[in-house]
Amino acid sequence: MNVQQKLALGMIRTKLNLLTIIDSRKAGEEAFKLFCTPVGKYTGIEHDVFKNAEALQFSIDGKMVKGYRCNHPRPHKVLILHGFSSSCHNFQSYAEPLIRKDYEVLAFDAPAHGASEGTTINAIEYSQMIKKVIALYGPVHGFIAHSFGGIALCLALEELPHDENTKVVLIAPATETSTALENALRFVGIKNPALRKSLDDIIFKMSGKETTWFSIRRAVKNLKAYILWIHDEDDDVTPLSDALKVKQDAPPNVQFDITKGLGHRRIYRDDTVISKTIKFL
């Protein structure tokens, strides 16, 4: 972390701590907005697999969502879902072998990411986007989801028709929202329990659900899909400890693959992980 980043974090910490003393509700609102705001938008390479694809777009909640449909039409469709502060363009290494396998590939930038509109996103909004993609371009038979995309997908699948023939690959999924909030507060350097309570209150007011409800461990019990869950021991963003609790539950439709030394982001770029994913689907 450079000096500018440290100064920015210090300013955020000071602001939220002061707001918590004055008005914990407003502090919670500020913190929630901060945690729902991606760090910049993808401005990298538009890979050939997407350049040569059909460009798609649709509106949801007044925001234009943009993405691609590759190798259309094909009977077997796979939807790729990126993580927080990422883009579908980071997953060209999955799209290419899926096309060679004669699958149709759908890939979108979530709201507030890449070419799509918006400045903030939460798991409910991402799951709503997934449901609309399927309504417009489905049915979808397979899914690849990294990090934040993982919990959004599991929430969506709870409300979508699917069966044991539906295949899902979760790569370092954000297993517990409670853990994500705790880690974010720890990263900023805030220990005030009043702010955490305010965040929980905002989530409940927005969704009618407790923070703990936004959990893959909870959701997976309601899923029929056959799931390959790939997670790394050294993941410092979505900790393996949360995934191991799901593993201990021994859901019959979930197969776990624990890696070492790949962390949270290198894992989805790893050739072995890509190969296992394509083979599974």
Protein backbone atom coordinates (compact mmCIF):
# COMPACT_ATOMS: atom_id res chain seq x y z
CA MET A 1 0.00 0.00 0.00
CA ASN A 2 1.46 3.35 -1.06
CA VAL A 3 1.38 6.64 0.88
CA GLN A 4 -1.66 8.00 -1.02
CA GLN A 5 -3.66 4.84 -0.30
CA LYS A 6 -2.73 5.00 3.39
CA LEU A 7 -3.80 8.66 3.54
CA ALA A 8 -7.12 7.85 1.82
CA LEU A 9 -7.80 5.02 4.26
CA GLY A 10 -6.95 7.30 7.16
CA MET A 11 -9.43 9.91 5.93
CA ILE A 12 -12.17 7.30 5.50
CA ARG A 13 -11.48 5.88 8.96
CA THR A 14 -11.61 9.33 10.58
CA LYS A 15 -14.80 10.29 8.75
CA LEU A 16 -16.65 7.09 9.64
CA ASN A 17 -15.51 7.18 13.26
CA LEU A 18 -16.69 10.78 13.66
CA LEU A 19 -19.99 10.07 11.90
CA THR A 20 -20.58 7.06 14.14
CA ILE A 21 -20.33 9.32 17.20
CA ILE A 22 -22.67 11.94 15.69
CA ASP A 23 -25.15 9.70 13.86
CA SER A 24 -24.45 5.97 13.62
CA ARG A 25 -27.20 5.50 11.00
CA LYS A 26 -25.58 7.97 8.61
CA ALA A 27 -22.20 6.41 9.31
CA GLY A 28 -23.66 3.02 8.38
CA GLU A 29 -25.10 4.42 5.17
CA GLU A 30 -21.73 5.92 4.23
CA ALA A 31 -19.93 2.67 5.04
CA PHE A 32 -22.44 0.56 3.10
CA LYS A 33 -22.09 2.81 0.05
CA LEU A 34 -18.31 2.57 0.33
CA PHE A 35 -18.35 -1.23 0.54
CA CYS A 36 -20.69 -1.42 -2.48
CA THR A 37 -18.47 0.79 -4.65
CA PRO A 38 -15.98 -1.05 -6.89
CA VAL A 39 -12.42 0.22 -7.00
CA GLY A 40 -12.39 1.70 -10.49
CA LYS A 41 -13.72 0.16 -13.70
CA TYR A 42 -11.98 -2.24 -16.05
CA THR A 43 -10.28 -0.34 -18.87
CA GLY A 44 -8.02 -3.14 -20.07
CA ILE A 45 -7.91 -5.22 -23.22
CA GLU A 46 -11.09 -6.21 -25.02
CA HIS A 47 -10.07 -9.73 -25.94
CA ASP A 48 -10.73 -11.14 -29.41
CA VAL A 49 -13.14 -13.78 -28.11
CA PHE A 50 -15.45 -10.94 -27.04
CA LYS A 51 -14.59 -8.56 -29.89
CA ASN A 52 -15.82 -11.19 -32.31
CA ALA A 53 -18.91 -11.98 -30.26
CA GLU A 54 -22.41 -10.54 -30.37
CA ALA A 55 -22.62 -7.45 -28.15
CA LEU A 56 -25.65 -7.46 -25.87
CA GLN A 57 -27.20 -4.90 -23.56
CA PHE A 58 -30.28 -4.53 -21.41
CA SER A 59 -31.55 -2.18 -18.71
CA ILE A 60 -32.14 -3.13 -15.09
CA ASP A 61 -33.18 -0.60 -12.45
CA GLY A 62 -32.35 2.19 -14.88
CA LYS A 63 -28.78 0.98 -15.45
CA MET A 64 -27.54 -0.33 -18.79
CA VAL A 65 -25.79 -3.69 -18.45
CA LYS A 66 -23.47 -4.71 -21.28
CA GLY A 67 -22.01 -8.03 -22.25
CA TYR A 68 -21.47 -10.63 -24.94
CA ARG A 69 -22.93 -13.77 -26.44
CA CYS A 70 -20.37 -16.05 -28.06
CA ASN A 71 -20.97 -19.00 -30.40
CA HIS A 72 -24.72 -18.48 -30.66
CA PRO A 73 -26.89 -20.46 -31.12
CA ARG A 74 -25.84 -23.63 -29.31
CA PRO A 75 -27.97 -25.95 -27.15
CA HIS A 76 -25.61 -25.83 -24.15
CA LYS A 77 -25.06 -22.40 -22.57
CA VAL A 78 -22.60 -21.26 -19.90
CA LEU A 79 -22.77 -17.93 -18.04
CA ILE A 80 -19.54 -16.41 -16.70
CA LEU A 81 -19.81 -14.19 -13.60
CA HIS A 82 -16.87 -12.06 -12.46
CA GLY A 83 -16.04 -10.84 -8.97
CA PHE A 84 -16.01 -7.41 -7.29
CA SER A 85 -14.00 -4.71 -9.10
CA SER A 86 -13.47 -7.08 -12.03
CA SER A 87 -14.91 -7.61 -15.52
CA CYS A 88 -15.99 -10.36 -17.86
CA HIS A 89 -12.88 -9.52 -19.91
CA ASN A 90 -10.76 -11.17 -17.22
CA PHE A 91 -12.32 -14.53 -18.14
CA GLN A 92 -11.44 -14.88 -21.81
CA SER A 93 -9.37 -17.95 -20.89
CA TYR A 94 -12.61 -19.72 -19.99
CA ALA A 95 -14.66 -18.49 -22.93
CA GLU A 96 -12.21 -19.75 -25.55
CA PRO A 97 -12.08 -23.43 -24.51
CA LEU A 98 -15.85 -23.45 -23.91
CA ILE A 99 -16.37 -22.30 -27.49
CA ARG A 100 -14.01 -25.03 -28.70
CA LYS A 101 -16.22 -27.43 -26.75
CA ASP A 102 -19.10 -26.05 -28.87
CA TYR A 103 -20.81 -24.32 -25.96
CA GLU A 104 -22.53 -20.96 -26.17
CA VAL A 105 -20.96 -18.46 -23.75
CA LEU A 106 -22.65 -15.52 -22.06
CA ALA A 107 -20.55 -12.97 -20.20
CA PHE A 108 -21.60 -9.61 -18.77
CA ASP A 109 -20.11 -6.77 -16.77
CA ALA A 110 -22.21 -6.45 -13.63
CA PRO A 111 -23.67 -3.01 -12.84
CA ALA A 112 -20.96 -0.55 -11.76
CA HIS A 113 -18.33 -2.70 -13.50
CA GLY A 114 -16.55 -2.52 -16.84
CA ALA A 115 -18.75 -1.17 -19.64
CA SER A 116 -21.97 -1.38 -17.60
CA GLU A 117 -23.54 1.64 -15.95
CA GLY A 118 -23.78 2.43 -12.26
CA THR A 119 -21.50 3.31 -9.37
CA THR A 120 -22.51 0.80 -6.69
CA ILE A 121 -23.68 -2.81 -6.50
CA ASN A 122 -24.75 -5.29 -3.85
CA ALA A 123 -25.42 -9.03 -3.88
CA ILE A 124 -29.17 -8.59 -4.39
CA GLU A 125 -28.64 -6.36 -7.43
CA TYR A 126 -26.11 -8.77 -8.91
CA SER A 127 -28.46 -11.72 -8.39
CA GLN A 128 -31.27 -9.77 -10.07
CA MET A 129 -28.98 -9.16 -13.04
CA ILE A 130 -28.30 -12.90 -13.27
CA LYS A 131 -32.02 -13.68 -13.26
CA LYS A 132 -32.63 -11.16 -16.03
CA VAL A 133 -29.80 -12.56 -18.17
CA ILE A 134 -31.39 -16.00 -17.92
CA ALA A 135 -34.85 -14.63 -18.68
CA LEU A 136 -33.55 -12.86 -21.80
CA TYR A 137 -30.92 -15.28 -23.12
CA GLY A 138 -31.41 -18.57 -21.28
CA PRO A 139 -31.92 -21.27 -20.39
CA VAL A 140 -28.41 -21.59 -18.94
CA HIS A 141 -26.98 -25.02 -18.19
CA GLY A 142 -23.64 -24.12 -16.61
CA PHE A 143 -22.14 -21.31 -14.56
CA ILE A 144 -18.63 -20.10 -13.68
CA ALA A 145 -18.58 -17.62 -10.80
CA HIS A 146 -15.63 -16.01 -9.04
CA SER A 147 -15.73 -14.33 -5.62
CA PHE A 148 -18.68 -11.88 -5.35
CA GLY A 149 -20.21 -13.50 -8.40
CA GLY A 150 -20.44 -16.74 -6.42
CA ILE A 151 -22.76 -15.51 -3.70
CA ALA A 152 -24.86 -13.56 -6.22
CA LEU A 153 -25.27 -16.73 -8.28
CA CYS A 154 -26.27 -18.89 -5.32
CA LEU A 155 -28.88 -16.33 -4.25
CA ALA A 156 -30.24 -16.24 -7.80
CA LEU A 157 -30.35 -20.03 -8.18
CA GLU A 158 -32.47 -20.30 -5.03
CA GLU A 159 -35.22 -18.55 -7.01
CA LEU A 160 -34.59 -20.09 -10.43
CA PRO A 161 -35.73 -23.45 -11.79
CA HIS A 162 -32.76 -25.81 -12.03
CA ASP A 163 -31.89 -29.42 -11.35
CA GLU A 164 -29.00 -31.83 -10.82
CA ASN A 165 -28.01 -31.43 -14.48
CA THR A 166 -27.20 -27.76 -13.85
CA LYS A 167 -23.45 -27.42 -13.30
CA VAL A 168 -21.83 -24.66 -11.26
CA VAL A 169 -18.16 -23.88 -10.72
CA LEU A 170 -17.54 -21.61 -7.73
CA ILE A 171 -14.01 -20.20 -7.70
CA ALA A 172 -13.03 -18.58 -4.38
CA PRO A 173 -16.63 -17.55 -3.72
CA ALA A 174 -17.56 -14.89 -1.17
CA THR A 175 -19.04 -17.46 1.19
CA GLU A 176 -20.26 -15.28 4.09
CA THR A 177 -21.32 -11.64 3.85
CA SER A 178 -20.72 -11.28 7.59
CA THR A 179 -17.08 -12.19 7.04
CA ALA A 180 -16.80 -9.76 4.12
CA LEU A 181 -18.08 -6.89 6.28
CA GLU A 182 -15.78 -7.78 9.17
CA ASN A 183 -12.77 -7.93 6.84
CA ALA A 184 -13.68 -4.63 5.20
CA LEU A 185 -14.00 -2.87 8.56
CA ARG A 186 -10.73 -4.41 9.71
CA PHE A 187 -9.02 -3.25 6.50
CA VAL A 188 -10.20 0.32 7.02
CA GLY A 189 -9.17 0.06 10.68
CA ILE A 190 -12.57 0.52 12.32
CA LYS A 191 -13.40 -1.44 15.46
CA ASN A 192 -16.49 0.44 16.61
CA PRO A 193 -19.33 -2.12 17.13
CA ALA A 194 -21.93 0.64 16.66
CA LEU A 195 -20.93 0.99 13.01
CA ARG A 196 -21.17 -2.74 12.43
CA LYS A 197 -24.64 -2.79 13.99
CA SER A 198 -25.67 0.11 11.77
CA LEU A 199 -24.49 -1.83 8.72
CA ASP A 200 -26.54 -4.85 9.79
CA ASP A 201 -29.58 -2.60 10.31
CA ILE A 202 -29.21 -1.13 6.80
CA ILE A 203 -28.97 -4.57 5.21
CA PHE A 204 -32.09 -5.70 7.08
CA LYS A 205 -34.02 -2.55 6.11
CA MET A 206 -33.00 -2.96 2.46
CA SER A 207 -33.70 -6.68 2.15
CA GLY A 208 -35.81 -7.82 5.07
CA LYS A 209 -33.03 -10.33 5.81
CA GLU A 210 -30.35 -10.52 8.48
CA THR A 211 -26.75 -10.17 7.26
CA THR A 212 -26.16 -13.84 8.07
CA TRP A 213 -28.85 -14.81 5.53
CA PHE A 214 -26.52 -13.68 2.73
CA SER A 215 -24.51 -16.86 2.97
CA ILE A 216 -23.54 -19.52 0.46
CA ARG A 217 -23.42 -22.01 3.32
CA ARG A 218 -27.11 -21.32 3.91
CA ALA A 219 -28.10 -21.07 0.23
CA VAL A 220 -26.34 -24.21 -0.95
CA LYS A 221 -28.73 -26.33 1.12
CA ASN A 222 -31.48 -25.19 -1.25
CA LEU A 223 -29.60 -25.84 -4.49
CA LYS A 224 -29.96 -28.93 -6.65
CA ALA A 225 -27.12 -28.05 -9.03
CA TYR A 226 -23.93 -30.13 -9.15
CA ILE A 227 -21.21 -27.82 -7.83
CA LEU A 228 -17.42 -27.80 -8.13
CA TRP A 229 -16.03 -25.50 -5.40
CA ILE A 230 -12.40 -24.45 -5.89
CA HIS A 231 -10.74 -22.50 -3.06
CA ASP A 232 -7.16 -21.71 -2.11
CA GLU A 233 -5.56 -22.10 1.31
CA ASP A 234 -3.89 -18.70 0.95
CA ASP A 235 -6.99 -16.71 -0.01
CA ASP A 236 -6.84 -13.46 2.01
CA VAL A 237 -10.12 -12.05 0.65
CA THR A 238 -12.63 -14.90 0.95
CA PRO A 239 -11.06 -17.06 3.65
CA LEU A 240 -10.87 -20.83 3.29
CA SER A 241 -12.17 -21.19 6.85
CA ASP A 242 -15.68 -20.20 5.68
CA ALA A 243 -15.53 -22.69 2.80
CA LEU A 244 -14.37 -25.48 5.12
CA LYS A 245 -17.52 -25.05 7.20
CA VAL A 246 -19.54 -25.84 4.09
CA LYS A 247 -17.27 -28.79 3.39
CA GLN A 248 -17.92 -30.07 6.92
CA ASP A 249 -21.66 -29.92 6.22
CA ALA A 250 -20.92 -32.47 3.45
CA PRO A 251 -23.57 -31.35 0.94
CA PRO A 252 -23.96 -34.29 -1.47
CA ASN A 253 -24.03 -32.09 -4.57
CA VAL A 254 -20.78 -30.21 -3.84
CA GLN A 255 -17.28 -31.37 -4.77
CA PHE A 256 -14.40 -29.44 -3.17
CA ASP A 257 -10.96 -28.82 -4.64
CA ILE A 258 -8.53 -27.05 -2.27
CA THR A 259 -5.47 -25.47 -3.89
CA LYS A 260 -2.31 -23.97 -2.40
CA GLY A 261 -0.36 -20.82 -3.23
CA LEU A 262 -2.83 -19.23 -5.67
CA GLY A 263 -4.58 -16.76 -3.37
CA HIS A 264 -7.82 -15.04 -4.35
CA ARG A 265 -7.13 -13.74 -7.85
CA ARG A 266 -4.39 -15.90 -9.31
CA ILE A 267 -6.64 -18.91 -8.73
CA TYR A 268 -9.01 -18.09 -11.59
CA ARG A 269 -6.09 -17.43 -13.94
CA ASP A 270 -4.39 -20.73 -13.15
CA ASP A 271 -4.21 -23.12 -16.11
CA THR A 272 -4.99 -26.17 -13.96
CA VAL A 273 -8.05 -24.48 -12.46
CA ILE A 274 -9.23 -23.45 -15.94
CA SER A 275 -8.74 -27.01 -17.22
CA LYS A 276 -10.65 -28.54 -14.29
CA THR A 277 -13.46 -26.04 -14.76
CA ILE A 278 -13.88 -26.75 -18.47
CA LYS A 279 -13.73 -30.52 -17.89
CA PHE A 280 -16.35 -30.31 -15.14
CA LEU A 281 -18.76 -28.34 -17.32
